[in-house]
Amino acid sequence: MRFVTLIVALSFVGFTQAKNDKHEKSLPPGLEKKVARGDELPPGWQKKLRRGEILDLDLYHYGIKRPGKKDDIYEWVEIENDVVKIIKNTREIVEILTR
């Protein structure tokens, strides 16, 4: 019985990870190089920021993290003229504030 429970639990974890990977989007190689150099992103990058989407890892590292409560599940990341509220563990975008 324990073996069956373990198999079911592991398959659920694999399904959840596959679902999260499906939403992961990356920047094109040219934009990745711009971010690595610290250059500004072109105006079209904003289209990548939508509620419910996963914040690209390159944009996450490019952005400025704003401190929050220690036990808070959310994190605020400033990316040029936008401040994005994300879930820390998944980088799912919850809210976008434009200055």
PDB file of N, CA and C in Angstrom:
ATOM      1  N   MET A   1       0.825  -1.196   0.000  1.00  0.00           N
ATOM      2  CA  MET A   1       0.000   0.000   0.000  1.00  0.00           C
ATOM      3  C   MET A   1       0.869   1.260   0.000  1.00  0.00           C
ATOM      4  N   ARG A   2       1.949   1.244   0.776  1.00  0.00           N
ATOM      5  CA  ARG A   2       2.841   2.405   0.811  1.00  0.00           C
ATOM      6  C   ARG A   2       3.476   2.651  -0.555  1.00  0.00           C
ATOM      7  N   PHE A   3       3.793   1.557  -1.254  1.00  0.00           N
ATOM      8  CA  PHE A   3       4.410   1.674  -2.567  1.00  0.00           C
ATOM      9  C   PHE A   3       3.465   2.374  -3.545  1.00  0.00           C
ATOM     10  N   VAL A   4       2.195   2.012  -3.523  1.00  0.00           N
ATOM     11  CA  VAL A   4       1.197   2.626  -4.400  1.00  0.00           C
ATOM     12  C   VAL A   4       1.048   4.115  -4.073  1.00  0.00           C
ATOM     13  N   THR A   5       1.008   4.433  -2.789  1.00  0.00           N
ATOM     14  CA  THR A   5       0.905   5.828  -2.365  1.00  0.00           C
ATOM     15  C   THR A   5       2.117   6.617  -2.853  1.00  0.00           C
ATOM     16  N   LEU A   6       3.301   6.027  -2.753  1.00  0.00           N
ATOM     17  CA  LEU A   6       4.523   6.685  -3.203  1.00  0.00           C
ATOM     18  C   LEU A   6       4.477   6.930  -4.714  1.00  0.00           C
ATOM     19  N   ILE A   7       4.023   5.953  -5.482  1.00  0.00           N
ATOM     20  CA  ILE A   7       3.932   6.089  -6.940  1.00  0.00           C
ATOM     21  C   ILE A   7       2.964   7.218  -7.303  1.00  0.00           C
ATOM     22  N   VAL A   8       1.820   7.261  -6.651  1.00  0.00           N
ATOM     23  CA  VAL A   8       0.825   8.313  -6.926  1.00  0.00           C
ATOM     24  C   VAL A   8       1.392   9.679  -6.572  1.00  0.00           C
ATOM     25  N   ALA A   9       2.055   9.791  -5.440  1.00  0.00           N
ATOM     26  CA  ALA A   9       2.630  11.079  -5.022  1.00  0.00           C
ATOM     27  C   ALA A   9       3.706  11.543  -5.998  1.00  0.00           C
ATOM     28  N   LEU A  10       4.589  10.649  -6.415  1.00  0.00           N
ATOM     29  CA  LEU A  10       5.649  11.014  -7.348  1.00  0.00           C
ATOM     30  C   LEU A  10       5.096  11.404  -8.712  1.00  0.00           C
ATOM     31  N   SER A  11       4.047  10.727  -9.163  1.00  0.00           N
ATOM     32  CA  SER A  11       3.474  11.090 -10.459  1.00  0.00           C
ATOM     33  C   SER A  11       2.819  12.459 -10.393  1.00  0.00           C
ATOM     34  N   PHE A  12       2.210  12.808  -9.257  1.00  0.00           N
ATOM     35  CA  PHE A  12       1.604  14.133  -9.102  1.00  0.00           C
ATOM     36  C   PHE A  12       2.662  15.215  -9.123  1.00  0.00           C
ATOM     37  N   VAL A  13       3.795  14.978  -8.456  1.00  0.00           N
ATOM     38  CA  VAL A  13       4.889  15.950  -8.439  1.00  0.00           C
ATOM     39  C   VAL A  13       5.428  16.140  -9.858  1.00  0.00           C
ATOM     40  N   GLY A  14       5.594  15.054 -10.598  1.00  0.00           N
ATOM     41  CA  GLY A  14       6.069  15.155 -11.983  1.00  0.00           C
ATOM     42  C   GLY A  14       5.098  15.912 -12.861  1.00  0.00           C
ATOM     43  N   PHE A  15       3.798  15.692 -12.688  1.00  0.00           N
ATOM     44  CA  PHE A  15       2.780  16.397 -13.466  1.00  0.00           C
ATOM     45  C   PHE A  15       2.809  17.880 -13.157  1.00  0.00           C
ATOM     46  N   THR A  16       2.923  18.225 -11.885  1.00  0.00           N
ATOM     47  CA  THR A  16       2.961  19.631 -11.481  1.00  0.00           C
ATOM     48  C   THR A  16       4.183  20.309 -12.065  1.00  0.00           C
ATOM     49  N   GLN A  17       5.342  19.660 -12.020  1.00  0.00           N
ATOM     50  CA  GLN A  17       6.568  20.251 -12.568  1.00  0.00           C
ATOM     51  C   GLN A  17       6.436  20.428 -14.074  1.00  0.00           C
ATOM     52  N   ALA A  18       5.874  19.445 -14.777  1.00  0.00           N
ATOM     53  CA  ALA A  18       5.695  19.558 -16.219  1.00  0.00           C
ATOM     54  C   ALA A  18       4.758  20.709 -16.554  1.00  0.00           C
ATOM     55  N   LYS A  19       3.730  20.913 -15.765  1.00  0.00           N
ATOM     56  CA  LYS A  19       2.791  22.004 -15.988  1.00  0.00           C
ATOM     57  C   LYS A  19       3.499  23.345 -15.831  1.00  0.00           C
ATOM     58  N   ASN A  20       4.352  23.483 -14.800  1.00  0.00           N
ATOM     59  CA  ASN A  20       5.081  24.725 -14.587  1.00  0.00           C
ATOM     60  C   ASN A  20       6.087  24.975 -15.702  1.00  0.00           C
ATOM     61  N   ASP A  21       6.757  23.922 -16.198  1.00  0.00           N
ATOM     62  CA  ASP A  21       7.723  24.078 -17.270  1.00  0.00           C
ATOM     63  C   ASP A  21       7.041  24.508 -18.561  1.00  0.00           C
ATOM     64  N   LYS A  22       5.816  24.095 -18.771  1.00  0.00           N
ATOM     65  CA  LYS A  22       5.076  24.428 -19.971  1.00  0.00           C
ATOM     66  C   LYS A  22       4.876  25.937 -20.077  1.00  0.00           C
ATOM     67  N   HIS A  23       4.678  26.618 -18.944  1.00  0.00           N
ATOM     68  CA  HIS A  23       4.439  28.051 -18.944  1.00  0.00           C
ATOM     69  C   HIS A  23       5.730  28.859 -18.977  1.00  0.00           C
ATOM     70  N   GLU A  24       6.849  28.199 -18.768  1.00  0.00           N
ATOM     71  CA  GLU A  24       8.131  28.900 -18.745  1.00  0.00           C
ATOM     72  C   GLU A  24       8.458  29.391 -20.150  1.00  0.00           C
ATOM     73  N   LYS A  25       8.733  30.671 -20.262  1.00  0.00           N
ATOM     74  CA  LYS A  25       9.120  31.259 -21.539  1.00  0.00           C
ATOM     75  C   LYS A  25      10.480  31.894 -21.337  1.00  0.00           C
ATOM     76  N   SER A  26      11.285  31.885 -22.391  1.00  0.00           N
ATOM     77  CA  SER A  26      12.587  32.514 -22.267  1.00  0.00           C
ATOM     78  C   SER A  26      12.712  33.624 -23.298  1.00  0.00           C
ATOM     79  N   LEU A  27      13.634  34.511 -23.027  1.00  0.00           N
ATOM     80  CA  LEU A  27      13.892  35.602 -23.956  1.00  0.00           C
ATOM     81  C   LEU A  27      14.665  35.081 -25.160  1.00  0.00           C
ATOM     82  N   PRO A  28      14.499  35.719 -26.298  1.00  0.00           N
ATOM     83  CA  PRO A  28      15.322  35.363 -27.456  1.00  0.00           C
ATOM     84  C   PRO A  28      16.799  35.599 -27.139  1.00  0.00           C
ATOM     85  N   PRO A  29      17.706  34.897 -27.822  1.00  0.00           N
ATOM     86  CA  PRO A  29      19.133  35.010 -27.512  1.00  0.00           C
ATOM     87  C   PRO A  29      19.656  36.447 -27.533  1.00  0.00           C
ATOM     88  N   GLY A  30      19.191  37.264 -28.468  1.00  0.00           N
ATOM     89  CA  GLY A  30      19.650  38.652 -28.545  1.00  0.00           C
ATOM     90  C   GLY A  30      19.284  39.455 -27.308  1.00  0.00           C
ATOM     91  N   LEU A  31      18.048  39.262 -26.814  1.00  0.00           N
ATOM     92  CA  LEU A  31      17.627  39.972 -25.604  1.00  0.00           C
ATOM     93  C   LEU A  31      18.347  39.439 -24.377  1.00  0.00           C
ATOM     94  N   GLU A  32      18.625  38.139 -24.365  1.00  0.00           N
ATOM     95  CA  GLU A  32      19.381  37.570 -23.244  1.00  0.00           C
ATOM     96  C   GLU A  32      20.750  38.244 -23.148  1.00  0.00           C
ATOM     97  N   LYS A  33      21.392  38.480 -24.299  1.00  0.00           N
ATOM     98  CA  LYS A  33      22.697  39.136 -24.300  1.00  0.00           C
ATOM     99  C   LYS A  33      22.585  40.572 -23.793  1.00  0.00           C
ATOM    100  N   LYS A  34      21.497  41.282 -24.209  1.00  0.00           N
ATOM    101  CA  LYS A  34      21.302  42.653 -23.737  1.00  0.00           C
ATOM    102  C   LYS A  34      21.146  42.684 -22.214  1.00  0.00           C
ATOM    103  N   VAL A  35      20.354  41.758 -21.690  1.00  0.00           N
ATOM    104  CA  VAL A  35      20.138  41.694 -20.246  1.00  0.00           C
ATOM    105  C   VAL A  35      21.444  41.381 -19.542  1.00  0.00           C
ATOM    106  N   ALA A  36      22.231  40.462 -20.095  1.00  0.00           N
ATOM    107  CA  ALA A  36      23.511  40.088 -19.484  1.00  0.00           C
ATOM    108  C   ALA A  36      24.464  41.280 -19.431  1.00  0.00           C
ATOM    109  N   ARG A  37      24.403  42.144 -20.439  1.00  0.00           N
ATOM    110  CA  ARG A  37      25.268  43.331 -20.470  1.00  0.00           C
ATOM    111  C   ARG A  37      24.727  44.455 -19.599  1.00  0.00           C
ATOM    112  N   GLY A  38      23.469  44.349 -19.182  1.00  0.00           N
ATOM    113  CA  GLY A  38      22.855  45.393 -18.370  1.00  0.00           C
ATOM    114  C   GLY A  38      22.195  46.479 -19.199  1.00  0.00           C
ATOM    115  N   ASP A  39      22.040  46.237 -20.521  1.00  0.00           N
ATOM    116  CA  ASP A  39      21.390  47.214 -21.393  1.00  0.00           C
ATOM    117  C   ASP A  39      19.882  47.211 -21.169  1.00  0.00           C
ATOM    118  N   GLU A  40      19.228  48.292 -21.630  1.00  0.00           N
ATOM    119  CA  GLU A  40      17.766  48.383 -21.519  1.00  0.00           C
ATOM    120  C   GLU A  40      17.104  47.443 -22.510  1.00  0.00           C
ATOM    121  N   LEU A  41      15.933  46.974 -22.139  1.00  0.00           N
ATOM    122  CA  LEU A  41      15.163  46.113 -23.021  1.00  0.00           C
ATOM    123  C   LEU A  41      14.337  46.964 -23.988  1.00  0.00           C
ATOM    124  N   PRO A  42      14.041  46.453 -25.166  1.00  0.00           N
ATOM    125  CA  PRO A  42      13.214  47.198 -26.111  1.00  0.00           C
ATOM    126  C   PRO A  42      11.775  47.289 -25.624  1.00  0.00           C
ATOM    127  N   PRO A  43      10.978  48.231 -26.179  1.00  0.00           N
ATOM    128  CA  PRO A  43       9.599  48.423 -25.723  1.00  0.00           C
ATOM    129  C   PRO A  43       8.726  47.165 -25.795  1.00  0.00           C
ATOM    130  N   GLY A  44       8.978  46.250 -26.713  1.00  0.00           N
ATOM    131  CA  GLY A  44       8.133  45.073 -26.886  1.00  0.00           C
ATOM    132  C   GLY A  44       8.213  44.048 -25.771  1.00  0.00           C
ATOM    133  N   TRP A  45       9.191  44.166 -24.886  1.00  0.00           N
ATOM    134  CA  TRP A  45       9.338  43.160 -23.830  1.00  0.00           C
ATOM    135  C   TRP A  45       8.147  43.163 -22.887  1.00  0.00           C
ATOM    136  N   GLN A  46       7.418  44.299 -22.774  1.00  0.00           N
ATOM    137  CA  GLN A  46       6.293  44.387 -21.845  1.00  0.00           C
ATOM    138  C   GLN A  46       5.208  43.363 -22.173  1.00  0.00           C
ATOM    139  N   LYS A  47       5.112  42.966 -23.429  1.00  0.00           N
ATOM    140  CA  LYS A  47       4.095  41.989 -23.819  1.00  0.00           C
ATOM    141  C   LYS A  47       4.298  40.666 -23.089  1.00  0.00           C
ATOM    142  N   LYS A  48       5.490  40.426 -22.609  1.00  0.00           N
ATOM    143  CA  LYS A  48       5.777  39.185 -21.881  1.00  0.00           C
ATOM    144  C   LYS A  48       5.212  39.199 -20.462  1.00  0.00           C
ATOM    145  N   LEU A  49       4.845  40.378 -19.967  1.00  0.00           N
ATOM    146  CA  LEU A  49       4.332  40.487 -18.607  1.00  0.00           C
ATOM    147  C   LEU A  49       2.810  40.455 -18.625  1.00  0.00           C
ATOM    148  N   ARG A  50       2.247  39.333 -18.203  1.00  0.00           N
ATOM    149  CA  ARG A  50       0.803  39.179 -18.114  1.00  0.00           C
ATOM    150  C   ARG A  50       0.470  38.432 -16.835  1.00  0.00           C
ATOM    151  N   ARG A  51      -0.616  38.845 -16.196  1.00  0.00           N
ATOM    152  CA  ARG A  51      -1.069  38.137 -14.990  1.00  0.00           C
ATOM    153  C   ARG A  51      -1.276  36.671 -15.311  1.00  0.00           C
ATOM    154  N   GLY A  52      -0.848  35.826 -14.394  1.00  0.00           N
ATOM    155  CA  GLY A  52      -1.015  34.389 -14.558  1.00  0.00           C
ATOM    156  C   GLY A  52       0.133  33.714 -15.288  1.00  0.00           C
ATOM    157  N   GLU A  53       0.971  34.487 -15.986  1.00  0.00           N
ATOM    158  CA  GLU A  53       2.120  33.926 -16.686  1.00  0.00           C
ATOM    159  C   GLU A  53       3.295  33.812 -15.709  1.00  0.00           C
ATOM    160  N   ILE A  54       4.290  33.046 -16.096  1.00  0.00           N
ATOM    161  CA  ILE A  54       5.489  32.881 -15.292  1.00  0.00           C
ATOM    162  C   ILE A  54       6.517  33.917 -15.746  1.00  0.00           C
ATOM    163  N   LEU A  55       7.037  34.697 -14.800  1.00  0.00           N
ATOM    164  CA  LEU A  55       8.038  35.704 -15.119  1.00  0.00           C
ATOM    165  C   LEU A  55       9.308  35.016 -15.589  1.00  0.00           C
ATOM    166  N   ASP A  56       9.780  35.414 -16.748  1.00  0.00           N
ATOM    167  CA  ASP A  56      10.990  34.845 -17.323  1.00  0.00           C
ATOM    168  C   ASP A  56      12.148  34.985 -16.333  1.00  0.00           C
ATOM    169  N   LEU A  57      12.956  33.956 -16.235  1.00  0.00           N
ATOM    170  CA  LEU A  57      14.069  33.953 -15.289  1.00  0.00           C
ATOM    171  C   LEU A  57      15.061  35.079 -15.587  1.00  0.00           C
ATOM    172  N   ASP A  58      15.314  35.363 -16.860  1.00  0.00           N
ATOM    173  CA  ASP A  58      16.227  36.453 -17.213  1.00  0.00           C
ATOM    174  C   ASP A  58      15.669  37.793 -16.762  1.00  0.00           C
ATOM    175  N   LEU A  59      14.360  38.018 -16.956  1.00  0.00           N
ATOM    176  CA  LEU A  59      13.747  39.259 -16.501  1.00  0.00           C
ATOM    177  C   LEU A  59      13.779  39.348 -14.978  1.00  0.00           C
ATOM    178  N   TYR A  60      13.583  38.211 -14.315  1.00  0.00           N
ATOM    179  CA  TYR A  60      13.642  38.174 -12.849  1.00  0.00           C
ATOM    180  C   TYR A  60      15.016  38.629 -12.355  1.00  0.00           C
ATOM    181  N   HIS A  61      16.073  38.099 -12.974  1.00  0.00           N
ATOM    182  CA  HIS A  61      17.430  38.467 -12.561  1.00  0.00           C
ATOM    183  C   HIS A  61      17.756  39.908 -12.964  1.00  0.00           C
ATOM    184  N   TYR A  62      17.194  40.370 -14.073  1.00  0.00           N
ATOM    185  CA  TYR A  62      17.405  41.738 -14.547  1.00  0.00           C
ATOM    186  C   TYR A  62      16.756  42.761 -13.614  1.00  0.00           C
ATOM    187  N   GLY A  63      15.597  42.385 -13.055  1.00  0.00           N
ATOM    188  CA  GLY A  63      14.839  43.307 -12.219  1.00  0.00           C
ATOM    189  C   GLY A  63      15.459  43.547 -10.851  1.00  0.00           C
ATOM    190  N   ILE A  64      14.976  44.610 -10.221  1.00  0.00           N
ATOM    191  CA  ILE A  64      15.426  44.965  -8.875  1.00  0.00           C
ATOM    192  C   ILE A  64      14.411  44.414  -7.881  1.00  0.00           C
ATOM    193  N   LYS A  65      14.863  43.558  -6.967  1.00  0.00           N
ATOM    194  CA  LYS A  65      13.966  42.955  -5.973  1.00  0.00           C
ATOM    195  C   LYS A  65      13.705  43.959  -4.863  1.00  0.00           C
ATOM    196  N   ARG A  66      12.450  44.087  -4.490  1.00  0.00           N
ATOM    197  CA  ARG A  66      12.046  44.982  -3.405  1.00  0.00           C
ATOM    198  C   ARG A  66      11.774  44.147  -2.162  1.00  0.00           C
ATOM    199  N   PRO A  67      12.333  44.569  -1.026  1.00  0.00           N
ATOM    200  CA  PRO A  67      12.139  43.786   0.200  1.00  0.00           C
ATOM    201  C   PRO A  67      10.680  43.767   0.636  1.00  0.00           C
ATOM    202  N   GLY A  68      10.287  42.657   1.185  1.00  0.00           N
ATOM    203  CA  GLY A  68       8.941  42.504   1.722  1.00  0.00           C
ATOM    204  C   GLY A  68       9.020  41.832   3.077  1.00  0.00           C
ATOM    205  N   LYS A  69       7.892  41.343   3.529  1.00  0.00           N
ATOM    206  CA  LYS A  69       7.875  40.620   4.794  1.00  0.00           C
ATOM    207  C   LYS A  69       8.628  39.307   4.637  1.00  0.00           C
ATOM    208  N   LYS A  70       9.279  38.888   5.695  1.00  0.00           N
ATOM    209  CA  LYS A  70      10.106  37.681   5.645  1.00  0.00           C
ATOM    210  C   LYS A  70       9.294  36.430   5.317  1.00  0.00           C
ATOM    211  N   ASP A  71       8.098  36.306   5.878  1.00  0.00           N
ATOM    212  CA  ASP A  71       7.291  35.103   5.677  1.00  0.00           C
ATOM    213  C   ASP A  71       6.254  35.269   4.569  1.00  0.00           C
ATOM    214  N   ASP A  72       6.346  36.341   3.800  1.00  0.00           N
ATOM    215  CA  ASP A  72       5.391  36.594   2.721  1.00  0.00           C
ATOM    216  C   ASP A  72       5.673  35.651   1.549  1.00  0.00           C
ATOM    217  N   ILE A  73       4.623  35.171   0.892  1.00  0.00           N
ATOM    218  CA  ILE A  73       4.809  34.288  -0.263  1.00  0.00           C
ATOM    219  C   ILE A  73       5.022  35.084  -1.548  1.00  0.00           C
ATOM    220  N   TYR A  74       4.851  36.411  -1.465  1.00  0.00           N
ATOM    221  CA  TYR A  74       4.985  37.256  -2.645  1.00  0.00           C
ATOM    222  C   TYR A  74       6.307  38.018  -2.628  1.00  0.00           C
ATOM    223  N   GLU A  75       6.704  38.447  -3.810  1.00  0.00           N
ATOM    224  CA  GLU A  75       7.902  39.264  -3.962  1.00  0.00           C
ATOM    225  C   GLU A  75       7.602  40.334  -5.006  1.00  0.00           C
ATOM    226  N   TRP A  76       8.125  41.523  -4.806  1.00  0.00           N
ATOM    227  CA  TRP A  76       7.960  42.622  -5.754  1.00  0.00           C
ATOM    228  C   TRP A  76       9.259  42.774  -6.520  1.00  0.00           C
ATOM    229  N   VAL A  77       9.159  42.845  -7.855  1.00  0.00           N
ATOM    230  CA  VAL A  77      10.329  42.998  -8.707  1.00  0.00           C
ATOM    231  C   VAL A  77      10.101  44.203  -9.608  1.00  0.00           C
ATOM    232  N   GLU A  78      11.034  45.151  -9.574  1.00  0.00           N
ATOM    233  CA  GLU A  78      10.946  46.343 -10.422  1.00  0.00           C
ATOM    234  C   GLU A  78      11.711  46.086 -11.717  1.00  0.00           C
ATOM    235  N   ILE A  79      10.992  46.183 -12.837  1.00  0.00           N
ATOM    236  CA  ILE A  79      11.597  45.977 -14.151  1.00  0.00           C
ATOM    237  C   ILE A  79      11.312  47.230 -14.967  1.00  0.00           C
ATOM    238  N   GLU A  80      12.314  48.074 -15.078  1.00  0.00           N
ATOM    239  CA  GLU A  80      12.226  49.373 -15.746  1.00  0.00           C
ATOM    240  C   GLU A  80      11.038  50.173 -15.214  1.00  0.00           C
ATOM    241  N   ASN A  81       9.957  50.388 -15.971  1.00  0.00           N
ATOM    242  CA  ASN A  81       8.848  51.234 -15.517  1.00  0.00           C
ATOM    243  C   ASN A  81       7.721  50.447 -14.843  1.00  0.00           C
ATOM    244  N   ASP A  82       7.876  49.160 -14.685  1.00  0.00           N
ATOM    245  CA  ASP A  82       6.834  48.332 -14.082  1.00  0.00           C
ATOM    246  C   ASP A  82       7.325  47.732 -12.771  1.00  0.00           C
ATOM    247  N   VAL A  83       6.389  47.541 -11.864  1.00  0.00           N
ATOM    248  CA  VAL A  83       6.660  46.799 -10.638  1.00  0.00           C
ATOM    249  C   VAL A  83       5.739  45.589 -10.663  1.00  0.00           C
ATOM    250  N   VAL A  84       6.334  44.416 -10.581  1.00  0.00           N
ATOM    251  CA  VAL A  84       5.603  43.169 -10.754  1.00  0.00           C
ATOM    252  C   VAL A  84       5.557  42.416  -9.433  1.00  0.00           C
ATOM    253  N   LYS A  85       4.347  42.020  -9.030  1.00  0.00           N
ATOM    254  CA  LYS A  85       4.175  41.201  -7.831  1.00  0.00           C
ATOM    255  C   LYS A  85       4.105  39.753  -8.298  1.00  0.00           C
ATOM    256  N   ILE A  86       5.014  38.924  -7.764  1.00  0.00           N
ATOM    257  CA  ILE A  86       5.062  37.521  -8.163  1.00  0.00           C
ATOM    258  C   ILE A  86       5.009  36.621  -6.934  1.00  0.00           C
ATOM    259  N   ILE A  87       4.638  35.372  -7.157  1.00  0.00           N
ATOM    260  CA  ILE A  87       4.732  34.351  -6.116  1.00  0.00           C
ATOM    261  C   ILE A  87       6.189  33.893  -6.097  1.00  0.00           C
ATOM    262  N   LYS A  88       6.833  33.949  -4.938  1.00  0.00           N
ATOM    263  CA  LYS A  88       8.264  33.667  -4.827  1.00  0.00           C
ATOM    264  C   LYS A  88       8.656  32.315  -5.419  1.00  0.00           C
ATOM    265  N   ASN A  89       7.948  31.267  -5.060  1.00  0.00           N
ATOM    266  CA  ASN A  89       8.362  29.913  -5.443  1.00  0.00           C
ATOM    267  C   ASN A  89       8.189  29.613  -6.922  1.00  0.00           C
ATOM    268  N   THR A  90       7.192  30.209  -7.561  1.00  0.00           N
ATOM    269  CA  THR A  90       6.888  29.855  -8.948  1.00  0.00           C
ATOM    270  C   THR A  90       7.149  30.970  -9.939  1.00  0.00           C
ATOM    271  N   ARG A  91       7.342  32.186  -9.466  1.00  0.00           N
ATOM    272  CA  ARG A  91       7.488  33.388 -10.287  1.00  0.00           C
ATOM    273  C   ARG A  91       6.230  33.689 -11.100  1.00  0.00           C
ATOM    274  N   GLU A  92       5.085  33.175 -10.663  1.00  0.00           N
ATOM    275  CA  GLU A  92       3.821  33.486 -11.333  1.00  0.00           C
ATOM    276  C   GLU A  92       3.464  34.941 -11.070  1.00  0.00           C
ATOM    277  N   ILE A  93       3.107  35.655 -12.133  1.00  0.00           N
ATOM    278  CA  ILE A  93       2.775  37.081 -12.014  1.00  0.00           C
ATOM    279  C   ILE A  93       1.372  37.224 -11.449  1.00  0.00           C
ATOM    280  N   VAL A  94       1.266  37.964 -10.346  1.00  0.00           N
ATOM    281  CA  VAL A  94      -0.014  38.180  -9.665  1.00  0.00           C
ATOM    282  C   VAL A  94      -0.566  39.557  -9.988  1.00  0.00           C
ATOM    283  N   GLU A  95       0.327  40.550 -10.074  1.00  0.00           N
ATOM    284  CA  GLU A  95      -0.107  41.922 -10.301  1.00  0.00           C
ATOM    285  C   GLU A  95       1.002  42.696 -10.998  1.00  0.00           C
ATOM    286  N   ILE A  96       0.607  43.650 -11.865  1.00  0.00           N
ATOM    287  CA  ILE A  96       1.572  44.490 -12.559  1.00  0.00           C
ATOM    288  C   ILE A  96       1.172  45.939 -12.334  1.00  0.00           C
ATOM    289  N   LEU A  97       2.094  46.721 -11.785  1.00  0.00           N
ATOM    290  CA  LEU A  97       1.864  48.146 -11.577  1.00  0.00           C
ATOM    291  C   LEU A  97       2.786  48.906 -12.517  1.00  0.00           C
ATOM    292  N   THR A  98       2.213  49.839 -13.286  1.00  0.00           N
ATOM    293  CA  THR A  98       2.998  50.629 -14.230  1.00  0.00           C
ATOM    294  C   THR A  98       3.136  52.042 -13.684  1.00  0.00           C
ATOM    295  N   ARG A  99       4.363  52.558 -13.721  1.00  0.00           N
ATOM    296  CA  ARG A  99       4.604  53.929 -13.245  1.00  0.00           C
ATOM    297  C   ARG A  99       4.374  54.902 -14.353  1.00  0.00           C
TER     298      ARG A  99
END
